[in-house]
PDB file of N, CA and C in Angstrom:
ATOM      1  N   UNK A   1       0.837  -1.885  -0.506  1.00  0.00           N
ATOM      2  CA  UNK A   1       0.122   0.448  -0.107  1.00  0.00           C
ATOM      3  C   UNK A   1       0.773   0.955  -0.158  1.00  0.00           C
ATOM      4  N   UNK A   2       0.348   2.316  -0.582  1.00  0.00           N
ATOM      5  CA  UNK A   2       1.419   3.477  -1.020  1.00  0.00           C
ATOM      6  C   UNK A   2       0.155   5.064  -0.076  1.00  0.00           C
ATOM      7  N   UNK A   3       0.682   6.205   0.337  1.00  0.00           N
ATOM      8  CA  UNK A   3      -0.073   7.308  -0.489  1.00  0.00           C
ATOM      9  C   UNK A   3       0.636   8.692  -1.208  1.00  0.00           C
ATOM     10  N   UNK A   4      -0.061   8.631  -1.964  1.00  0.00           N
ATOM     11  CA  UNK A   4       0.046   9.328  -3.058  1.00  0.00           C
ATOM     12  C   UNK A   4       0.781  10.950  -1.645  1.00  0.00           C
ATOM     13  N   UNK A   5       1.622  11.564  -1.703  1.00  0.00           N
ATOM     14  CA  UNK A   5       2.601  12.964  -1.306  1.00  0.00           C
ATOM     15  C   UNK A   5       2.751  13.991  -2.557  1.00  0.00           C
ATOM     16  N   UNK A   6       1.713  15.796  -1.838  1.00  0.00           N
ATOM     17  CA  UNK A   6       2.183  16.466  -2.979  1.00  0.00           C
ATOM     18  C   UNK A   6       2.866  17.251  -2.541  1.00  0.00           C
ATOM     19  N   UNK A   7       4.280  17.864  -2.404  1.00  0.00           N
ATOM     20  CA  UNK A   7       4.915  19.067  -1.761  1.00  0.00           C
ATOM     21  C   UNK A   7       5.668  20.188  -2.774  1.00  0.00           C
ATOM     22  N   UNK A   8       5.436  21.376  -1.616  1.00  0.00           N
ATOM     23  CA  UNK A   8       6.190  22.303  -2.933  1.00  0.00           C
ATOM     24  C   UNK A   8       6.551  22.759  -2.463  1.00  0.00           C
ATOM     25  N   UNK A   9       8.197  22.756  -3.142  1.00  0.00           N
ATOM     26  CA  UNK A   9       9.814  22.777  -3.300  1.00  0.00           C
ATOM     27  C   UNK A   9      10.207  23.764  -3.884  1.00  0.00           C
ATOM     28  N   UNK A  10      10.733  24.979  -2.959  1.00  0.00           N
ATOM     29  CA  UNK A  10      11.651  25.350  -3.471  1.00  0.00           C
ATOM     30  C   UNK A  10      12.657  25.595  -5.359  1.00  0.00           C
ATOM     31  N   UNK A  11      12.649  26.315  -5.980  1.00  0.00           N
ATOM     32  CA  UNK A  11      13.655  26.124  -6.804  1.00  0.00           C
ATOM     33  C   UNK A  11      14.728  25.528  -6.714  1.00  0.00           C
ATOM     34  N   UNK A  12      15.608  26.480  -5.650  1.00  0.00           N
ATOM     35  CA  UNK A  12      16.644  25.932  -5.337  1.00  0.00           C
ATOM     36  C   UNK A  12      17.363  24.602  -4.253  1.00  0.00           C
ATOM     37  N   UNK A  13      15.897  24.246  -3.754  1.00  0.00           N
ATOM     38  CA  UNK A  13      15.827  22.916  -3.678  1.00  0.00           C
ATOM     39  C   UNK A  13      15.122  21.462  -3.824  1.00  0.00           C
ATOM     40  N   UNK A  14      14.944  21.868  -5.447  1.00  0.00           N
ATOM     41  CA  UNK A  14      14.651  20.900  -6.306  1.00  0.00           C
ATOM     42  C   UNK A  14      15.365  20.837  -7.721  1.00  0.00           C
ATOM     43  N   UNK A  15      15.877  22.045  -7.612  1.00  0.00           N
ATOM     44  CA  UNK A  15      17.314  21.559  -8.877  1.00  0.00           C
ATOM     45  C   UNK A  15      18.626  20.920  -7.794  1.00  0.00           C
ATOM     46  N   UNK A  16      19.143  20.778  -7.545  1.00  0.00           N
ATOM     47  CA  UNK A  16      19.893  20.116  -6.432  1.00  0.00           C
ATOM     48  C   UNK A  16      19.677  18.519  -6.798  1.00  0.00           C
ATOM     49  N   UNK A  17      18.117  18.034  -5.721  1.00  0.00           N
ATOM     50  CA  UNK A  17      17.696  16.858  -5.978  1.00  0.00           C
ATOM     51  C   UNK A  17      17.287  16.325  -6.735  1.00  0.00           C
ATOM     52  N   UNK A  18      17.152  17.154  -8.011  1.00  0.00           N
ATOM     53  CA  UNK A  18      16.667  16.429  -9.270  1.00  0.00           C
ATOM     54  C   UNK A  18      18.025  16.206 -10.147  1.00  0.00           C
ATOM     55  N   UNK A  19      19.027  16.566  -9.999  1.00  0.00           N
ATOM     56  CA  UNK A  19      20.430  16.819 -10.100  1.00  0.00           C
ATOM     57  C   UNK A  19      21.561  15.419  -9.639  1.00  0.00           C
ATOM     58  N   UNK A  20      20.960  14.787  -7.437  1.00  0.00           N
ATOM     59  CA  UNK A  20      21.459  14.130  -7.310  1.00  0.00           C
ATOM     60  C   UNK A  20      20.164  12.636  -8.103  1.00  0.00           C
ATOM     61  N   UNK A  21      18.944  12.669  -8.379  1.00  0.00           N
ATOM     62  CA  UNK A  21      18.747  11.898  -9.023  1.00  0.00           C
ATOM     63  C   UNK A  21      19.057  11.899 -10.789  1.00  0.00           C
ATOM     64  N   UNK A  22      19.668  12.245 -11.123  1.00  0.00           N
ATOM     65  CA  UNK A  22      19.591  11.951 -12.764  1.00  0.00           C
ATOM     66  C   UNK A  22      20.749  11.236 -12.700  1.00  0.00           C
ATOM     67  N   UNK A  23      22.277  12.070 -12.270  1.00  0.00           N
ATOM     68  CA  UNK A  23      23.877  11.488 -11.354  1.00  0.00           C
ATOM     69  C   UNK A  23      23.147  10.072 -10.933  1.00  0.00           C
ATOM     70  N   UNK A  24      22.740   9.551  -9.964  1.00  0.00           N
ATOM     71  CA  UNK A  24      22.488   8.037  -9.789  1.00  0.00           C
ATOM     72  C   UNK A  24      21.595   7.773  -9.640  1.00  0.00           C
ATOM     73  N   UNK A  25      21.079   7.734 -11.357  1.00  0.00           N
ATOM     74  CA  UNK A  25      20.331   7.026 -12.541  1.00  0.00           C
ATOM     75  C   UNK A  25      18.626   6.030 -12.000  1.00  0.00           C
ATOM     76  N   UNK A  26      18.459   7.258 -11.224  1.00  0.00           N
ATOM     77  CA  UNK A  26      17.446   7.034 -10.521  1.00  0.00           C
ATOM     78  C   UNK A  26      16.180   8.412 -10.461  1.00  0.00           C
ATOM     79  N   UNK A  27      14.864   7.592 -10.291  1.00  0.00           N
ATOM     80  CA  UNK A  27      14.076   9.150 -10.133  1.00  0.00           C
ATOM     81  C   UNK A  27      13.817  10.239  -9.002  1.00  0.00           C
ATOM     82  N   UNK A  28      13.187  10.817  -9.004  1.00  0.00           N
ATOM     83  CA  UNK A  28      13.157  12.209  -8.253  1.00  0.00           C
ATOM     84  C   UNK A  28      12.082  11.785  -6.470  1.00  0.00           C
ATOM     85  N   UNK A  29      11.374  10.856  -6.967  1.00  0.00           N
ATOM     86  CA  UNK A  29      10.264  10.254  -6.269  1.00  0.00           C
ATOM     87  C   UNK A  29      11.342   8.969  -5.499  1.00  0.00           C
ATOM     88  N   UNK A  30      12.357   7.772  -6.657  1.00  0.00           N
ATOM     89  CA  UNK A  30      12.998   7.250  -5.731  1.00  0.00           C
ATOM     90  C   UNK A  30      13.663   7.651  -5.157  1.00  0.00           C
ATOM     91  N   UNK A  31      14.789   8.918  -5.063  1.00  0.00           N
ATOM     92  CA  UNK A  31      15.671   9.399  -4.393  1.00  0.00           C
ATOM     93  C   UNK A  31      15.328   9.880  -3.145  1.00  0.00           C
ATOM     94  N   UNK A  32      13.994  10.471  -2.427  1.00  0.00           N
ATOM     95  CA  UNK A  32      13.248  10.797  -1.705  1.00  0.00           C
ATOM     96  C   UNK A  32      12.978   9.737  -1.006  1.00  0.00           C
ATOM     97  N   UNK A  33      12.498   8.446  -1.888  1.00  0.00           N
ATOM     98  CA  UNK A  33      11.416   7.880  -0.837  1.00  0.00           C
ATOM     99  C   UNK A  33      12.943   6.684  -0.171  1.00  0.00           C
ATOM    100  N   UNK A  34      14.052   6.590  -0.608  1.00  0.00           N
ATOM    101  CA  UNK A  34      15.054   6.764  -0.112  1.00  0.00           C
ATOM    102  C   UNK A  34      14.930   7.322   0.708  1.00  0.00           C
ATOM    103  N   UNK A  35      15.636   8.657   1.254  1.00  0.00           N
ATOM    104  CA  UNK A  35      16.280   9.539   2.408  1.00  0.00           C
ATOM    105  C   UNK A  35      15.371   9.367   3.089  1.00  0.00           C
ATOM    106  N   UNK A  36      13.967   9.540   2.713  1.00  0.00           N
ATOM    107  CA  UNK A  36      12.969   9.417   3.723  1.00  0.00           C
ATOM    108  C   UNK A  36      12.787   8.227   4.671  1.00  0.00           C
ATOM    109  N   UNK A  37      12.663   6.967   4.101  1.00  0.00           N
ATOM    110  CA  UNK A  37      13.223   6.342   4.386  1.00  0.00           C
ATOM    111  C   UNK A  37      14.486   5.768   5.952  1.00  0.00           C
ATOM    112  N   UNK A  38      15.740   6.282   5.275  1.00  0.00           N
ATOM    113  CA  UNK A  38      16.761   6.011   6.216  1.00  0.00           C
ATOM    114  C   UNK A  38      16.178   7.147   6.896  1.00  0.00           C
ATOM    115  N   UNK A  39      15.692   8.480   6.858  1.00  0.00           N
ATOM    116  CA  UNK A  39      15.404   9.474   8.636  1.00  0.00           C
ATOM    117  C   UNK A  39      14.330   8.274   9.489  1.00  0.00           C
ATOM    118  N   UNK A  40      13.321   7.350   9.005  1.00  0.00           N
ATOM    119  CA  UNK A  40      12.250   6.882   9.802  1.00  0.00           C
ATOM    120  C   UNK A  40      13.299   5.805  10.694  1.00  0.00           C
ATOM    121  N   UNK A  41      13.977   4.771   9.402  1.00  0.00           N
ATOM    122  CA  UNK A  41      14.887   4.631  10.242  1.00  0.00           C
ATOM    123  C   UNK A  41      15.859   4.307  11.412  1.00  0.00           C
ATOM    124  N   UNK A  42      16.181   5.324  10.818  1.00  0.00           N
ATOM    125  CA  UNK A  42      17.062   6.296  12.145  1.00  0.00           C
ATOM    126  C   UNK A  42      16.609   6.438  13.045  1.00  0.00           C
ATOM    127  N   UNK A  43      15.597   7.293  13.132  1.00  0.00           N
ATOM    128  CA  UNK A  43      14.647   7.856  14.134  1.00  0.00           C
ATOM    129  C   UNK A  43      13.998   6.293  15.283  1.00  0.00           C
ATOM    130  N   UNK A  44      13.597   5.829  14.671  1.00  0.00           N
ATOM    131  CA  UNK A  44      13.144   4.196  14.982  1.00  0.00           C
ATOM    132  C   UNK A  44      13.898   3.665  16.203  1.00  0.00           C
ATOM    133  N   UNK A  45      15.715   3.571  15.173  1.00  0.00           N
ATOM    134  CA  UNK A  45      16.587   3.179  15.904  1.00  0.00           C
ATOM    135  C   UNK A  45      17.739   3.969  16.847  1.00  0.00           C
ATOM    136  N   UNK A  46      17.177   4.809  17.218  1.00  0.00           N
ATOM    137  CA  UNK A  46      17.736   6.437  17.431  1.00  0.00           C
ATOM    138  C   UNK A  46      17.182   5.288  18.807  1.00  0.00           C
ATOM    139  N   UNK A  47      18.816   4.840  19.932  1.00  0.00           N
ATOM    140  CA  UNK A  47      18.676   4.785  21.268  1.00  0.00           C
ATOM    141  C   UNK A  47      18.435   5.496  22.401  1.00  0.00           C
ATOM    142  N   UNK A  48      18.569   6.975  22.127  1.00  0.00           N
ATOM    143  CA  UNK A  48      18.112   7.627  23.176  1.00  0.00           C
ATOM    144  C   UNK A  48      16.409   7.837  22.811  1.00  0.00           C
ATOM    145  N   UNK A  49      15.970   7.668  21.757  1.00  0.00           N
ATOM    146  CA  UNK A  49      14.006   7.859  22.188  1.00  0.00           C
ATOM    147  C   UNK A  49      13.801   6.796  22.915  1.00  0.00           C
ATOM    148  N   UNK A  50      14.208   6.076  22.649  1.00  0.00           N
ATOM    149  CA  UNK A  50      13.263   4.786  23.294  1.00  0.00           C
ATOM    150  C   UNK A  50      13.694   4.972  24.452  1.00  0.00           C
ATOM    151  N   UNK A  51      14.106   5.661  25.478  1.00  0.00           N
ATOM    152  CA  UNK A  51      14.164   6.583  26.930  1.00  0.00           C
ATOM    153  C   UNK A  51      13.359   7.198  27.067  1.00  0.00           C
ATOM    154  N   UNK A  52      12.686   7.995  25.778  1.00  0.00           N
ATOM    155  CA  UNK A  52      11.873   8.868  25.940  1.00  0.00           C
ATOM    156  C   UNK A  52      10.806   8.686  27.003  1.00  0.00           C
ATOM    157  N   UNK A  53      10.282   9.237  27.877  1.00  0.00           N
ATOM    158  CA  UNK A  53       8.630   9.330  28.130  1.00  0.00           C
ATOM    159  C   UNK A  53       9.173   7.757  29.989  1.00  0.00           C
ATOM    160  N   UNK A  54      10.271   6.911  29.792  1.00  0.00           N
ATOM    161  CA  UNK A  54      10.360   6.883  30.802  1.00  0.00           C
ATOM    162  C   UNK A  54      10.724   6.916  32.072  1.00  0.00           C
ATOM    163  N   UNK A  55      10.482   8.252  33.017  1.00  0.00           N
ATOM    164  CA  UNK A  55      11.041   8.648  34.029  1.00  0.00           C
ATOM    165  C   UNK A  55      10.206   9.990  33.868  1.00  0.00           C
ATOM    166  N   UNK A  56      10.093  10.789  34.555  1.00  0.00           N
ATOM    167  CA  UNK A  56       9.304  12.002  35.091  1.00  0.00           C
ATOM    168  C   UNK A  56       9.986  13.092  35.851  1.00  0.00           C
ATOM    169  N   UNK A  57      10.186  14.470  34.749  1.00  0.00           N
ATOM    170  CA  UNK A  57      10.512  15.094  35.548  1.00  0.00           C
ATOM    171  C   UNK A  57       9.436  16.671  35.618  1.00  0.00           C
ATOM    172  N   UNK A  58      10.185  17.658  36.068  1.00  0.00           N
ATOM    173  CA  UNK A  58       9.377  19.482  36.563  1.00  0.00           C
ATOM    174  C   UNK A  58      10.057  19.840  35.228  1.00  0.00           C
ATOM    175  N   UNK A  59      11.277  19.643  34.726  1.00  0.00           N
ATOM    176  CA  UNK A  59      11.710  19.957  33.267  1.00  0.00           C
ATOM    177  C   UNK A  59      10.588  20.286  32.153  1.00  0.00           C
ATOM    178  N   UNK A  60       9.800  20.740  31.327  1.00  0.00           N
ATOM    179  CA  UNK A  60       9.279  20.847  30.662  1.00  0.00           C
ATOM    180  C   UNK A  60       9.665  21.252  29.217  1.00  0.00           C
ATOM    181  N   UNK A  61      10.919  22.118  28.811  1.00  0.00           N
ATOM    182  CA  UNK A  61      12.035  22.652  27.994  1.00  0.00           C
ATOM    183  C   UNK A  61      12.966  21.970  27.663  1.00  0.00           C
ATOM    184  N   UNK A  62      12.807  20.573  28.436  1.00  0.00           N
ATOM    185  CA  UNK A  62      14.232  19.328  28.080  1.00  0.00           C
ATOM    186  C   UNK A  62      14.413  19.305  26.363  1.00  0.00           C
ATOM    187  N   UNK A  63      13.277  18.899  25.315  1.00  0.00           N
ATOM    188  CA  UNK A  63      13.422  18.539  24.230  1.00  0.00           C
ATOM    189  C   UNK A  63      14.368  20.095  23.712  1.00  0.00           C
ATOM    190  N   UNK A  64      14.018  21.265  23.864  1.00  0.00           N
ATOM    191  CA  UNK A  64      14.782  22.351  23.327  1.00  0.00           C
ATOM    192  C   UNK A  64      16.353  23.191  24.054  1.00  0.00           C
ATOM    193  N   UNK A  65      16.630  22.577  25.053  1.00  0.00           N
ATOM    194  CA  UNK A  65      16.980  23.487  26.202  1.00  0.00           C
ATOM    195  C   UNK A  65      18.206  22.090  26.491  1.00  0.00           C
ATOM    196  N   UNK A  66      17.507  21.085  25.874  1.00  0.00           N
ATOM    197  CA  UNK A  66      18.778  20.018  26.518  1.00  0.00           C
ATOM    198  C   UNK A  66      20.393  20.120  27.036  1.00  0.00           C
ATOM    199  N   UNK A  67      21.005  20.577  25.640  1.00  0.00           N
ATOM    200  CA  UNK A  67      21.919  20.676  25.700  1.00  0.00           C
ATOM    201  C   UNK A  67      23.041  22.233  26.719  1.00  0.00           C
ATOM    202  N   UNK A  68      21.597  23.008  27.139  1.00  0.00           N
ATOM    203  CA  UNK A  68      22.382  23.739  28.084  1.00  0.00           C
ATOM    204  C   UNK A  68      22.346  23.285  29.738  1.00  0.00           C
ATOM    205  N   UNK A  69      21.129  21.593  30.167  1.00  0.00           N
ATOM    206  CA  UNK A  69      21.217  21.238  31.275  1.00  0.00           C
ATOM    207  C   UNK A  69      22.250  20.140  30.745  1.00  0.00           C
ATOM    208  N   UNK A  70      22.571  19.666  29.940  1.00  0.00           N
ATOM    209  CA  UNK A  70      23.988  18.376  29.948  1.00  0.00           C
ATOM    210  C   UNK A  70      24.560  19.211  30.551  1.00  0.00           C
ATOM    211  N   UNK A  71      25.444  20.577  29.804  1.00  0.00           N
ATOM    212  CA  UNK A  71      26.134  21.098  30.092  1.00  0.00           C
ATOM    213  C   UNK A  71      26.148  21.873  31.590  1.00  0.00           C
ATOM    214  N   UNK A  72      24.921  22.004  31.808  1.00  0.00           N
ATOM    215  CA  UNK A  72      25.449  22.440  34.011  1.00  0.00           C
ATOM    216  C   UNK A  72      25.357  21.052  34.603  1.00  0.00           C
ATOM    217  N   UNK A  73      24.853  20.151  33.985  1.00  0.00           N
ATOM    218  CA  UNK A  73      25.641  18.991  35.148  1.00  0.00           C
ATOM    219  C   UNK A  73      27.000  18.421  34.594  1.00  0.00           C
ATOM    220  N   UNK A  74      27.239  19.673  33.542  1.00  0.00           N
ATOM    221  CA  UNK A  74      29.422  18.993  33.344  1.00  0.00           C
ATOM    222  C   UNK A  74      30.067  19.751  34.258  1.00  0.00           C
ATOM    223  N   UNK A  75      29.635  20.573  34.284  1.00  0.00           N
ATOM    224  CA  UNK A  75      30.168  22.021  34.877  1.00  0.00           C
ATOM    225  C   UNK A  75      30.252  21.753  36.491  1.00  0.00           C
ATOM    226  N   UNK A  76      29.049  21.423  36.768  1.00  0.00           N
ATOM    227  CA  UNK A  76      28.726  20.983  38.398  1.00  0.00           C
ATOM    228  C   UNK A  76      29.044  19.931  38.872  1.00  0.00           C
ATOM    229  N   UNK A  77      29.805  18.713  37.825  1.00  0.00           N
ATOM    230  CA  UNK A  77      30.530  17.678  37.708  1.00  0.00           C
ATOM    231  C   UNK A  77      32.004  17.752  38.168  1.00  0.00           C
ATOM    232  N   UNK A  78      32.507  18.946  37.282  1.00  0.00           N
ATOM    233  CA  UNK A  78      33.321  18.962  37.148  1.00  0.00           C
ATOM    234  C   UNK A  78      34.339  20.319  38.579  1.00  0.00           C
ATOM    235  N   UNK A  79      33.516  20.793  39.513  1.00  0.00           N
ATOM    236  CA  UNK A  79      33.454  21.642  40.617  1.00  0.00           C
ATOM    237  C   UNK A  79      34.105  21.104  41.888  1.00  0.00           C
TER     238      UNK A  79
END
């Protein structure tokens, strides 16, 4: 089973994609499906994502400020 997806892509993105597909001897659809498949696979195989929801916290902005919190902990560990 498949689903049709229609995208409006700016020319500055479309042209290089078309060149890449031509260089690989593939259609643009084939290239995009491969890339999207790789992204989905990477997301599903991400070991950190498997930990999502395994603990609770009062911190509500961890997804956008995780680097700050990691840096804060590293700094505290070396004091």
